[in-house]
Amino acid sequence: MTKTILQIENTTVEDLKAELLSGVNEALKNFSTQIQGKNNDILLTREETAEMLSVSLVTLWKWTKDDVIPAFRIGNRVRFKKSEVLEAMQKMNRYGEEDN
């Protein structure tokens, strides 16, 4: 096994710590963006969407009917894009905050 020695000069502990944290934060942001892009484009069934939102199928139907959450018909089946469901929930949450 080969050992690699890294020698750092002309920097303070605080500067090194800040540089390391910056690099780790950037890597995590990139990873998070990649994961969200892959997971949010999937289509969910009515049951999966209701379970994700912790609401009943009746509530989900009402929100769909009232255009709160966009739905897609594929044949005789209803599907929801995960990214659009999450976006709709964020909008609902913002509206609730404005009322206060």
PDB file of N, CA and C in Angstrom:
ATOM      1  N   MET A   1       0.847  -1.168   0.000  1.00  0.00           N
ATOM      2  CA  MET A   1       0.000   0.000   0.000  1.00  0.00           C
ATOM      3  C   MET A   1       0.900   1.242   0.000  1.00  0.00           C
ATOM      4  N   THR A   2       0.578   2.210  -0.859  1.00  0.00           N
ATOM      5  CA  THR A   2       1.365   3.426  -0.976  1.00  0.00           C
ATOM      6  C   THR A   2       0.711   4.544  -0.180  1.00  0.00           C
ATOM      7  N   LYS A   3       1.528   5.243   0.584  1.00  0.00           N
ATOM      8  CA  LYS A   3       1.028   6.383   1.336  1.00  0.00           C
ATOM      9  C   LYS A   3       1.299   7.665   0.571  1.00  0.00           C
ATOM     10  N   THR A   4       0.299   8.546   0.557  1.00  0.00           N
ATOM     11  CA  THR A   4       0.468   9.853  -0.058  1.00  0.00           C
ATOM     12  C   THR A   4       0.463  10.895   1.037  1.00  0.00           C
ATOM     13  N   ILE A   5       1.433  11.768   1.005  1.00  0.00           N
ATOM     14  CA  ILE A   5       1.536  12.815   2.012  1.00  0.00           C
ATOM     15  C   ILE A   5       1.193  14.135   1.350  1.00  0.00           C
ATOM     16  N   LEU A   6       0.279  14.863   1.968  1.00  0.00           N
ATOM     17  CA  LEU A   6      -0.136  16.170   1.481  1.00  0.00           C
ATOM     18  C   LEU A   6       0.313  17.210   2.487  1.00  0.00           C
ATOM     19  N   GLN A   7       1.079  18.171   2.023  1.00  0.00           N
ATOM     20  CA  GLN A   7       1.574  19.218   2.901  1.00  0.00           C
ATOM     21  C   GLN A   7       0.944  20.535   2.469  1.00  0.00           C
ATOM     22  N   ILE A   8       0.302  21.205   3.412  1.00  0.00           N
ATOM     23  CA  ILE A   8      -0.359  22.467   3.124  1.00  0.00           C
ATOM     24  C   ILE A   8       0.379  23.573   3.868  1.00  0.00           C
ATOM     25  N   GLU A   9       0.734  24.609   3.108  1.00  0.00           N
ATOM     26  CA  GLU A   9       1.464  25.719   3.702  1.00  0.00           C
ATOM     27  C   GLU A   9       0.738  27.021   3.425  1.00  0.00           C
ATOM     28  N   ASN A  10       1.018  28.012   4.227  1.00  0.00           N
ATOM     29  CA  ASN A  10       0.497  29.367   4.053  1.00  0.00           C
ATOM     30  C   ASN A  10      -1.030  29.437   4.100  1.00  0.00           C
ATOM     31  N   THR A  11      -1.628  28.688   4.985  1.00  0.00           N
ATOM     32  CA  THR A  11      -3.082  28.772   5.178  1.00  0.00           C
ATOM     33  C   THR A  11      -3.397  28.533   6.648  1.00  0.00           C
ATOM     34  N   THR A  12      -4.501  29.099   7.074  1.00  0.00           N
ATOM     35  CA  THR A  12      -4.911  28.904   8.465  1.00  0.00           C
ATOM     36  C   THR A  12      -5.876  27.741   8.535  1.00  0.00           C
ATOM     37  N   VAL A  13      -6.071  27.252   9.717  1.00  0.00           N
ATOM     38  CA  VAL A  13      -7.014  26.157   9.936  1.00  0.00           C
ATOM     39  C   VAL A  13      -8.413  26.583   9.507  1.00  0.00           C
ATOM     40  N   GLU A  14      -8.785  27.818   9.817  1.00  0.00           N
ATOM     41  CA  GLU A  14     -10.114  28.318   9.466  1.00  0.00           C
ATOM     42  C   GLU A  14     -10.297  28.379   7.948  1.00  0.00           C
ATOM     43  N   ASP A  15      -9.258  28.842   7.223  1.00  0.00           N
ATOM     44  CA  ASP A  15      -9.336  28.905   5.764  1.00  0.00           C
ATOM     45  C   ASP A  15      -9.452  27.510   5.151  1.00  0.00           C
ATOM     46  N   LEU A  16      -8.681  26.565   5.678  1.00  0.00           N
ATOM     47  CA  LEU A  16      -8.737  25.196   5.188  1.00  0.00           C
ATOM     48  C   LEU A  16     -10.117  24.597   5.434  1.00  0.00           C
ATOM     49  N   LYS A  17     -10.627  24.825   6.633  1.00  0.00           N
ATOM     50  CA  LYS A  17     -11.955  24.310   6.990  1.00  0.00           C
ATOM     51  C   LYS A  17     -13.019  24.906   6.064  1.00  0.00           C
ATOM     52  N   ALA A  18     -12.958  26.202   5.828  1.00  0.00           N
ATOM     53  CA  ALA A  18     -13.934  26.862   4.956  1.00  0.00           C
ATOM     54  C   ALA A  18     -13.847  26.323   3.532  1.00  0.00           C
ATOM     55  N   GLU A  19     -12.653  26.098   3.040  1.00  0.00           N
ATOM     56  CA  GLU A  19     -12.460  25.564   1.680  1.00  0.00           C
ATOM     57  C   GLU A  19     -13.008  24.144   1.563  1.00  0.00           C
ATOM     58  N   LEU A  20     -12.743  23.320   2.563  1.00  0.00           N
ATOM     59  CA  LEU A  20     -13.263  21.949   2.560  1.00  0.00           C
ATOM     60  C   LEU A  20     -14.787  21.933   2.607  1.00  0.00           C
ATOM     61  N   LEU A  21     -15.362  22.746   3.484  1.00  0.00           N
ATOM     62  CA  LEU A  21     -16.828  22.800   3.596  1.00  0.00           C
ATOM     63  C   LEU A  21     -17.464  23.306   2.311  1.00  0.00           C
ATOM     64  N   SER A  22     -16.833  24.263   1.679  1.00  0.00           N
ATOM     65  CA  SER A  22     -17.343  24.785   0.416  1.00  0.00           C
ATOM     66  C   SER A  22     -17.371  23.689  -0.650  1.00  0.00           C
ATOM     67  N   GLY A  23     -16.308  22.925  -0.738  1.00  0.00           N
ATOM     68  CA  GLY A  23     -16.235  21.831  -1.703  1.00  0.00           C
ATOM     69  C   GLY A  23     -17.266  20.752  -1.434  1.00  0.00           C
ATOM     70  N   VAL A  24     -17.434  20.399  -0.174  1.00  0.00           N
ATOM     71  CA  VAL A  24     -18.420  19.375   0.193  1.00  0.00           C
ATOM     72  C   VAL A  24     -19.834  19.871  -0.102  1.00  0.00           C
ATOM     73  N   ASN A  25     -20.137  21.127   0.241  1.00  0.00           N
ATOM     74  CA  ASN A  25     -21.461  21.687  -0.034  1.00  0.00           C
ATOM     75  C   ASN A  25     -21.767  21.697  -1.527  1.00  0.00           C
ATOM     76  N   GLU A  26     -20.797  22.066  -2.342  1.00  0.00           N
ATOM     77  CA  GLU A  26     -20.983  22.091  -3.797  1.00  0.00           C
ATOM     78  C   GLU A  26     -21.247  20.687  -4.338  1.00  0.00           C
ATOM     79  N   ALA A  27     -20.490  19.717  -3.840  1.00  0.00           N
ATOM     80  CA  ALA A  27     -20.687  18.331  -4.272  1.00  0.00           C
ATOM     81  C   ALA A  27     -22.077  17.832  -3.874  1.00  0.00           C
ATOM     82  N   LEU A  28     -22.533  18.162  -2.669  1.00  0.00           N
ATOM     83  CA  LEU A  28     -23.859  17.739  -2.219  1.00  0.00           C
ATOM     84  C   LEU A  28     -24.963  18.398  -3.038  1.00  0.00           C
ATOM     85  N   LYS A  29     -24.800  19.676  -3.382  1.00  0.00           N
ATOM     86  CA  LYS A  29     -25.798  20.361  -4.214  1.00  0.00           C
ATOM     87  C   LYS A  29     -25.903  19.697  -5.582  1.00  0.00           C
ATOM     88  N   ASN A  30     -24.765  19.390  -6.184  1.00  0.00           N
ATOM     89  CA  ASN A  30     -24.764  18.728  -7.490  1.00  0.00           C
ATOM     90  C   ASN A  30     -25.427  17.355  -7.409  1.00  0.00           C
ATOM     91  N   PHE A  31     -25.110  16.611  -6.372  1.00  0.00           N
ATOM     92  CA  PHE A  31     -25.701  15.289  -6.184  1.00  0.00           C
ATOM     93  C   PHE A  31     -27.203  15.394  -5.982  1.00  0.00           C
ATOM     94  N   SER A  32     -27.630  16.341  -5.168  1.00  0.00           N
ATOM     95  CA  SER A  32     -29.053  16.542  -4.899  1.00  0.00           C
ATOM     96  C   SER A  32     -29.806  16.902  -6.174  1.00  0.00           C
ATOM     97  N   THR A  33     -29.232  17.755  -6.997  1.00  0.00           N
ATOM     98  CA  THR A  33     -29.855  18.147  -8.260  1.00  0.00           C
ATOM     99  C   THR A  33     -30.004  16.947  -9.176  1.00  0.00           C
ATOM    100  N   GLN A  34     -28.987  16.104  -9.240  1.00  0.00           N
ATOM    101  CA  GLN A  34     -29.049  14.916 -10.086  1.00  0.00           C
ATOM    102  C   GLN A  34     -30.130  13.958  -9.600  1.00  0.00           C
ATOM    103  N   ILE A  35     -30.204  13.732  -8.308  1.00  0.00           N
ATOM    104  CA  ILE A  35     -31.185  12.806  -7.740  1.00  0.00           C
ATOM    105  C   ILE A  35     -32.598  13.336  -7.948  1.00  0.00           C
ATOM    106  N   GLN A  36     -32.828  14.618  -7.675  1.00  0.00           N
ATOM    107  CA  GLN A  36     -34.156  15.191  -7.829  1.00  0.00           C
ATOM    108  C   GLN A  36     -34.607  15.131  -9.276  1.00  0.00           C
ATOM    109  N   GLY A  37     -33.704  15.406 -10.196  1.00  0.00           N
ATOM    110  CA  GLY A  37     -34.056  15.355 -11.611  1.00  0.00           C
ATOM    111  C   GLY A  37     -34.505  13.976 -12.034  1.00  0.00           C
ATOM    112  N   LYS A  38     -33.886  12.942 -11.500  1.00  0.00           N
ATOM    113  CA  LYS A  38     -34.240  11.571 -11.864  1.00  0.00           C
ATOM    114  C   LYS A  38     -35.537  11.131 -11.197  1.00  0.00           C
ATOM    115  N   ASN A  39     -35.718  11.446  -9.926  1.00  0.00           N
ATOM    116  CA  ASN A  39     -36.864  10.938  -9.175  1.00  0.00           C
ATOM    117  C   ASN A  39     -38.151  11.699  -9.425  1.00  0.00           C
ATOM    118  N   ASN A  40     -38.083  12.965  -9.770  1.00  0.00           N
ATOM    119  CA  ASN A  40     -39.293  13.774  -9.862  1.00  0.00           C
ATOM    120  C   ASN A  40     -40.017  13.652 -11.188  1.00  0.00           C
ATOM    121  N   ASP A  41     -39.414  13.025 -12.185  1.00  0.00           N
ATOM    122  CA  ASP A  41     -40.069  12.901 -13.475  1.00  0.00           C
ATOM    123  C   ASP A  41     -40.860  11.609 -13.611  1.00  0.00           C
ATOM    124  N   ILE A  42     -40.930  10.830 -12.556  1.00  0.00           N
ATOM    125  CA  ILE A  42     -41.676   9.578 -12.643  1.00  0.00           C
ATOM    126  C   ILE A  42     -43.167   9.844 -12.516  1.00  0.00           C
ATOM    127  N   LEU A  43     -43.953   8.959 -13.100  1.00  0.00           N
ATOM    128  CA  LEU A  43     -45.409   9.067 -13.012  1.00  0.00           C
ATOM    129  C   LEU A  43     -45.896   8.231 -11.838  1.00  0.00           C
ATOM    130  N   LEU A  44     -46.807   8.815 -11.071  1.00  0.00           N
ATOM    131  CA  LEU A  44     -47.368   8.150  -9.904  1.00  0.00           C
ATOM    132  C   LEU A  44     -48.831   7.798 -10.147  1.00  0.00           C
ATOM    133  N   THR A  45     -49.277   6.708  -9.554  1.00  0.00           N
ATOM    134  CA  THR A  45     -50.695   6.364  -9.595  1.00  0.00           C
ATOM    135  C   THR A  45     -51.445   7.233  -8.592  1.00  0.00           C
ATOM    136  N   ARG A  46     -52.759   7.160  -8.622  1.00  0.00           N
ATOM    137  CA  ARG A  46     -53.571   7.906  -7.647  1.00  0.00           C
ATOM    138  C   ARG A  46     -53.225   7.462  -6.233  1.00  0.00           C
ATOM    139  N   GLU A  47     -53.088   6.160  -6.051  1.00  0.00           N
ATOM    140  CA  GLU A  47     -52.798   5.628  -4.719  1.00  0.00           C
ATOM    141  C   GLU A  47     -51.422   6.062  -4.223  1.00  0.00           C
ATOM    142  N   GLU A  48     -50.425   6.015  -5.104  1.00  0.00           N
ATOM    143  CA  GLU A  48     -49.073   6.436  -4.715  1.00  0.00           C
ATOM    144  C   GLU A  48     -49.039   7.923  -4.376  1.00  0.00           C
ATOM    145  N   THR A  49     -49.754   8.721  -5.157  1.00  0.00           N
ATOM    146  CA  THR A  49     -49.783  10.165  -4.920  1.00  0.00           C
ATOM    147  C   THR A  49     -50.469  10.480  -3.604  1.00  0.00           C
ATOM    148  N   ALA A  50     -51.613   9.845  -3.362  1.00  0.00           N
ATOM    149  CA  ALA A  50     -52.333  10.071  -2.106  1.00  0.00           C
ATOM    150  C   ALA A  50     -51.484   9.656  -0.913  1.00  0.00           C
ATOM    151  N   GLU A  51     -50.789   8.533  -1.040  1.00  0.00           N
ATOM    152  CA  GLU A  51     -49.935   8.070   0.065  1.00  0.00           C
ATOM    153  C   GLU A  51     -48.776   9.037   0.292  1.00  0.00           C
ATOM    154  N   MET A  52     -48.165   9.522  -0.798  1.00  0.00           N
ATOM    155  CA  MET A  52     -47.047  10.463  -0.678  1.00  0.00           C
ATOM    156  C   MET A  52     -47.485  11.746   0.033  1.00  0.00           C
ATOM    157  N   LEU A  53     -48.704  12.195  -0.248  1.00  0.00           N
ATOM    158  CA  LEU A  53     -49.209  13.432   0.342  1.00  0.00           C
ATOM    159  C   LEU A  53     -49.935  13.209   1.668  1.00  0.00           C
ATOM    160  N   SER A  54     -50.114  11.955   2.037  1.00  0.00           N
ATOM    161  CA  SER A  54     -50.852  11.594   3.263  1.00  0.00           C
ATOM    162  C   SER A  54     -52.264  12.158   3.253  1.00  0.00           C
ATOM    163  N   VAL A  55     -52.947  11.991   2.121  1.00  0.00           N
ATOM    164  CA  VAL A  55     -54.340  12.417   2.003  1.00  0.00           C
ATOM    165  C   VAL A  55     -55.150  11.245   1.456  1.00  0.00           C
ATOM    166  N   SER A  56     -56.464  11.363   1.551  1.00  0.00           N
ATOM    167  CA  SER A  56     -57.329  10.318   1.022  1.00  0.00           C
ATOM    168  C   SER A  56     -57.459  10.459  -0.491  1.00  0.00           C
ATOM    169  N   LEU A  57     -57.970   9.415  -1.125  1.00  0.00           N
ATOM    170  CA  LEU A  57     -58.215   9.470  -2.566  1.00  0.00           C
ATOM    171  C   LEU A  57     -59.278  10.511  -2.889  1.00  0.00           C
ATOM    172  N   VAL A  58     -60.222  10.715  -1.985  1.00  0.00           N
ATOM    173  CA  VAL A  58     -61.272  11.722  -2.181  1.00  0.00           C
ATOM    174  C   VAL A  58     -60.657  13.116  -2.207  1.00  0.00           C
ATOM    175  N   THR A  59     -59.752  13.401  -1.271  1.00  0.00           N
ATOM    176  CA  THR A  59     -59.082  14.699  -1.237  1.00  0.00           C
ATOM    177  C   THR A  59     -58.250  14.899  -2.501  1.00  0.00           C
ATOM    178  N   LEU A  60     -57.530  13.865  -2.915  1.00  0.00           N
ATOM    179  CA  LEU A  60     -56.734  13.953  -4.133  1.00  0.00           C
ATOM    180  C   LEU A  60     -57.633  14.224  -5.338  1.00  0.00           C
ATOM    181  N   TRP A  61     -58.765  13.545  -5.426  1.00  0.00           N
ATOM    182  CA  TRP A  61     -59.710  13.769  -6.517  1.00  0.00           C
ATOM    183  C   TRP A  61     -60.196  15.216  -6.511  1.00  0.00           C
ATOM    184  N   LYS A  62     -60.513  15.755  -5.314  1.00  0.00           N
ATOM    185  CA  LYS A  62     -60.993  17.133  -5.211  1.00  0.00           C
ATOM    186  C   LYS A  62     -59.912  18.114  -5.666  1.00  0.00           C
ATOM    187  N   TRP A  63     -58.676  17.911  -5.215  1.00  0.00           N
ATOM    188  CA  TRP A  63     -57.578  18.785  -5.616  1.00  0.00           C
ATOM    189  C   TRP A  63     -57.358  18.723  -7.126  1.00  0.00           C
ATOM    190  N   THR A  64     -57.503  17.536  -7.709  1.00  0.00           N
ATOM    191  CA  THR A  64     -57.359  17.391  -9.156  1.00  0.00           C
ATOM    192  C   THR A  64     -58.500  18.115  -9.876  1.00  0.00           C
ATOM    193  N   LYS A  65     -59.709  17.935  -9.379  1.00  0.00           N
ATOM    194  CA  LYS A  65     -60.883  18.578  -9.973  1.00  0.00           C
ATOM    195  C   LYS A  65     -60.770  20.099  -9.895  1.00  0.00           C
ATOM    196  N   ASP A  66     -60.225  20.619  -8.792  1.00  0.00           N
ATOM    197  CA  ASP A  66     -60.080  22.066  -8.588  1.00  0.00           C
ATOM    198  C   ASP A  66     -58.790  22.617  -9.212  1.00  0.00           C
ATOM    199  N   ASP A  67     -58.094  21.809  -9.983  1.00  0.00           N
ATOM    200  CA  ASP A  67     -56.840  22.186 -10.645  1.00  0.00           C
ATOM    201  C   ASP A  67     -55.742  22.612  -9.675  1.00  0.00           C
ATOM    202  N   VAL A  68     -55.749  22.055  -8.487  1.00  0.00           N
ATOM    203  CA  VAL A  68     -54.659  22.298  -7.541  1.00  0.00           C
ATOM    204  C   VAL A  68     -53.453  21.443  -7.942  1.00  0.00           C
ATOM    205  N   ILE A  69     -53.732  20.199  -8.334  1.00  0.00           N
ATOM    206  CA  ILE A  69     -52.692  19.274  -8.772  1.00  0.00           C
ATOM    207  C   ILE A  69     -53.024  18.821 -10.191  1.00  0.00           C
ATOM    208  N   PRO A  70     -52.101  19.003 -11.147  1.00  0.00           N
ATOM    209  CA  PRO A  70     -52.367  18.548 -12.519  1.00  0.00           C
ATOM    210  C   PRO A  70     -52.282  17.033 -12.626  1.00  0.00           C
ATOM    211  N   ALA A  71     -53.185  16.464 -13.400  1.00  0.00           N
ATOM    212  CA  ALA A  71     -53.213  15.020 -13.616  1.00  0.00           C
ATOM    213  C   ALA A  71     -53.186  14.734 -15.109  1.00  0.00           C
ATOM    214  N   PHE A  72     -52.752  13.540 -15.442  1.00  0.00           N
ATOM    215  CA  PHE A  72     -52.700  13.097 -16.828  1.00  0.00           C
ATOM    216  C   PHE A  72     -53.531  11.847 -16.984  1.00  0.00           C
ATOM    217  N   ARG A  73     -54.242  11.775 -18.085  1.00  0.00           N
ATOM    218  CA  ARG A  73     -54.980  10.560 -18.404  1.00  0.00           C
ATOM    219  C   ARG A  73     -54.184   9.782 -19.429  1.00  0.00           C
ATOM    220  N   ILE A  74     -53.919   8.546 -19.110  1.00  0.00           N
ATOM    221  CA  ILE A  74     -53.257   7.636 -20.041  1.00  0.00           C
ATOM    222  C   ILE A  74     -54.240   6.474 -20.210  1.00  0.00           C
ATOM    223  N   GLY A  75     -54.962   6.519 -21.311  1.00  0.00           N
ATOM    224  CA  GLY A  75     -56.052   5.558 -21.497  1.00  0.00           C
ATOM    225  C   GLY A  75     -57.138   5.892 -20.500  1.00  0.00           C
ATOM    226  N   ASN A  76     -57.503   4.913 -19.697  1.00  0.00           N
ATOM    227  CA  ASN A  76     -58.512   5.172 -18.664  1.00  0.00           C
ATOM    228  C   ASN A  76     -57.886   5.303 -17.276  1.00  0.00           C
ATOM    229  N   ARG A  77     -56.587   5.485 -17.238  1.00  0.00           N
ATOM    230  CA  ARG A  77     -55.879   5.606 -15.956  1.00  0.00           C
ATOM    231  C   ARG A  77     -55.416   7.045 -15.729  1.00  0.00           C
ATOM    232  N   VAL A  78     -55.397   7.451 -14.471  1.00  0.00           N
ATOM    233  CA  VAL A  78     -54.956   8.791 -14.091  1.00  0.00           C
ATOM    234  C   VAL A  78     -53.557   8.674 -13.491  1.00  0.00           C
ATOM    235  N   ARG A  79     -52.658   9.542 -13.945  1.00  0.00           N
ATOM    236  CA  ARG A  79     -51.294   9.561 -13.426  1.00  0.00           C
ATOM    237  C   ARG A  79     -50.914  10.991 -13.057  1.00  0.00           C
ATOM    238  N   PHE A  80     -49.952  11.106 -12.144  1.00  0.00           N
ATOM    239  CA  PHE A  80     -49.461  12.398 -11.666  1.00  0.00           C
ATOM    240  C   PHE A  80     -47.948  12.417 -11.797  1.00  0.00           C
ATOM    241  N   LYS A  81     -47.392  13.526 -12.309  1.00  0.00           N
ATOM    242  CA  LYS A  81     -45.938  13.697 -12.332  1.00  0.00           C
ATOM    243  C   LYS A  81     -45.494  14.108 -10.941  1.00  0.00           C
ATOM    244  N   LYS A  82     -44.529  13.388 -10.412  1.00  0.00           N
ATOM    245  CA  LYS A  82     -44.056  13.673  -9.050  1.00  0.00           C
ATOM    246  C   LYS A  82     -43.561  15.109  -8.928  1.00  0.00           C
ATOM    247  N   SER A  83     -42.828  15.601  -9.923  1.00  0.00           N
ATOM    248  CA  SER A  83     -42.290  16.968  -9.855  1.00  0.00           C
ATOM    249  C   SER A  83     -43.421  17.993  -9.801  1.00  0.00           C
ATOM    250  N   GLU A  84     -44.497  17.773 -10.560  1.00  0.00           N
ATOM    251  CA  GLU A  84     -45.613  18.721 -10.569  1.00  0.00           C
ATOM    252  C   GLU A  84     -46.419  18.653  -9.277  1.00  0.00           C
ATOM    253  N   VAL A  85     -46.521  17.467  -8.693  1.00  0.00           N
ATOM    254  CA  VAL A  85     -47.210  17.330  -7.405  1.00  0.00           C
ATOM    255  C   VAL A  85     -46.454  18.100  -6.326  1.00  0.00           C
ATOM    256  N   LEU A  86     -45.130  17.927  -6.298  1.00  0.00           N
ATOM    257  CA  LEU A  86     -44.315  18.633  -5.300  1.00  0.00           C
ATOM    258  C   LEU A  86     -44.389  20.146  -5.499  1.00  0.00           C
ATOM    259  N   GLU A  87     -44.369  20.584  -6.748  1.00  0.00           N
ATOM    260  CA  GLU A  87     -44.475  22.010  -7.044  1.00  0.00           C
ATOM    261  C   GLU A  87     -45.831  22.562  -6.605  1.00  0.00           C
ATOM    262  N   ALA A  88     -46.901  21.812  -6.845  1.00  0.00           N
ATOM    263  CA  ALA A  88     -48.236  22.240  -6.438  1.00  0.00           C
ATOM    264  C   ALA A  88     -48.335  22.354  -4.914  1.00  0.00           C
ATOM    265  N   MET A  89     -47.691  21.437  -4.206  1.00  0.00           N
ATOM    266  CA  MET A  89     -47.723  21.485  -2.743  1.00  0.00           C
ATOM    267  C   MET A  89     -46.952  22.693  -2.230  1.00  0.00           C
ATOM    268  N   GLN A  90     -45.845  23.037  -2.907  1.00  0.00           N
ATOM    269  CA  GLN A  90     -45.096  24.229  -2.508  1.00  0.00           C
ATOM    270  C   GLN A  90     -45.934  25.478  -2.724  1.00  0.00           C
ATOM    271  N   LYS A  91     -46.682  25.533  -3.831  1.00  0.00           N
ATOM    272  CA  LYS A  91     -47.552  26.677  -4.083  1.00  0.00           C
ATOM    273  C   LYS A  91     -48.643  26.763  -3.027  1.00  0.00           C
ATOM    274  N   MET A  92     -49.236  25.621  -2.671  1.00  0.00           N
ATOM    275  CA  MET A  92     -50.273  25.623  -1.635  1.00  0.00           C
ATOM    276  C   MET A  92     -49.699  26.136  -0.321  1.00  0.00           C
ATOM    277  N   ASN A  93     -48.489  25.734  -0.002  1.00  0.00           N
ATOM    278  CA  ASN A  93     -47.847  26.140   1.237  1.00  0.00           C
ATOM    279  C   ASN A  93     -47.570  27.648   1.222  1.00  0.00           C
ATOM    280  N   ARG A  94     -47.143  28.191   0.078  1.00  0.00           N
ATOM    281  CA  ARG A  94     -46.896  29.628  -0.027  1.00  0.00           C
ATOM    282  C   ARG A  94     -48.181  30.419   0.146  1.00  0.00           C
ATOM    283  N   TYR A  95     -49.274  29.937  -0.438  1.00  0.00           N
ATOM    284  CA  TYR A  95     -50.549  30.638  -0.301  1.00  0.00           C
ATOM    285  C   TYR A  95     -50.985  30.679   1.158  1.00  0.00           C
ATOM    286  N   GLY A  96     -50.752  29.583   1.869  1.00  0.00           N
ATOM    287  CA  GLY A  96     -51.104  29.529   3.287  1.00  0.00           C
ATOM    288  C   GLY A  96     -50.309  30.510   4.103  1.00  0.00           C
ATOM    289  N   GLU A  97     -49.033  30.722   3.744  1.00  0.00           N
ATOM    290  CA  GLU A  97     -48.179  31.650   4.469  1.00  0.00           C
ATOM    291  C   GLU A  97     -48.602  33.094   4.243  1.00  0.00           C
ATOM    292  N   GLU A  98     -49.114  33.398   3.030  1.00  0.00           N
ATOM    293  CA  GLU A  98     -49.512  34.777   2.723  1.00  0.00           C
ATOM    294  C   GLU A  98     -50.757  35.194   3.492  1.00  0.00           C
ATOM    295  N   ASP A  99     -51.591  34.223   3.868  1.00  0.00           N
ATOM    296  CA  ASP A  99     -52.819  34.539   4.586  1.00  0.00           C
ATOM    297  C   ASP A  99     -52.545  35.013   6.001  1.00  0.00           C
ATOM    298  N   ASN A 100     -51.388  34.617   6.552  1.00  0.00           N
ATOM    299  CA  ASN A 100     -51.084  34.967   7.965  1.00  0.00           C
ATOM    300  C   ASN A 100     -50.702  36.393   8.120  1.00  0.00           C
TER     301      ASN A 100
END
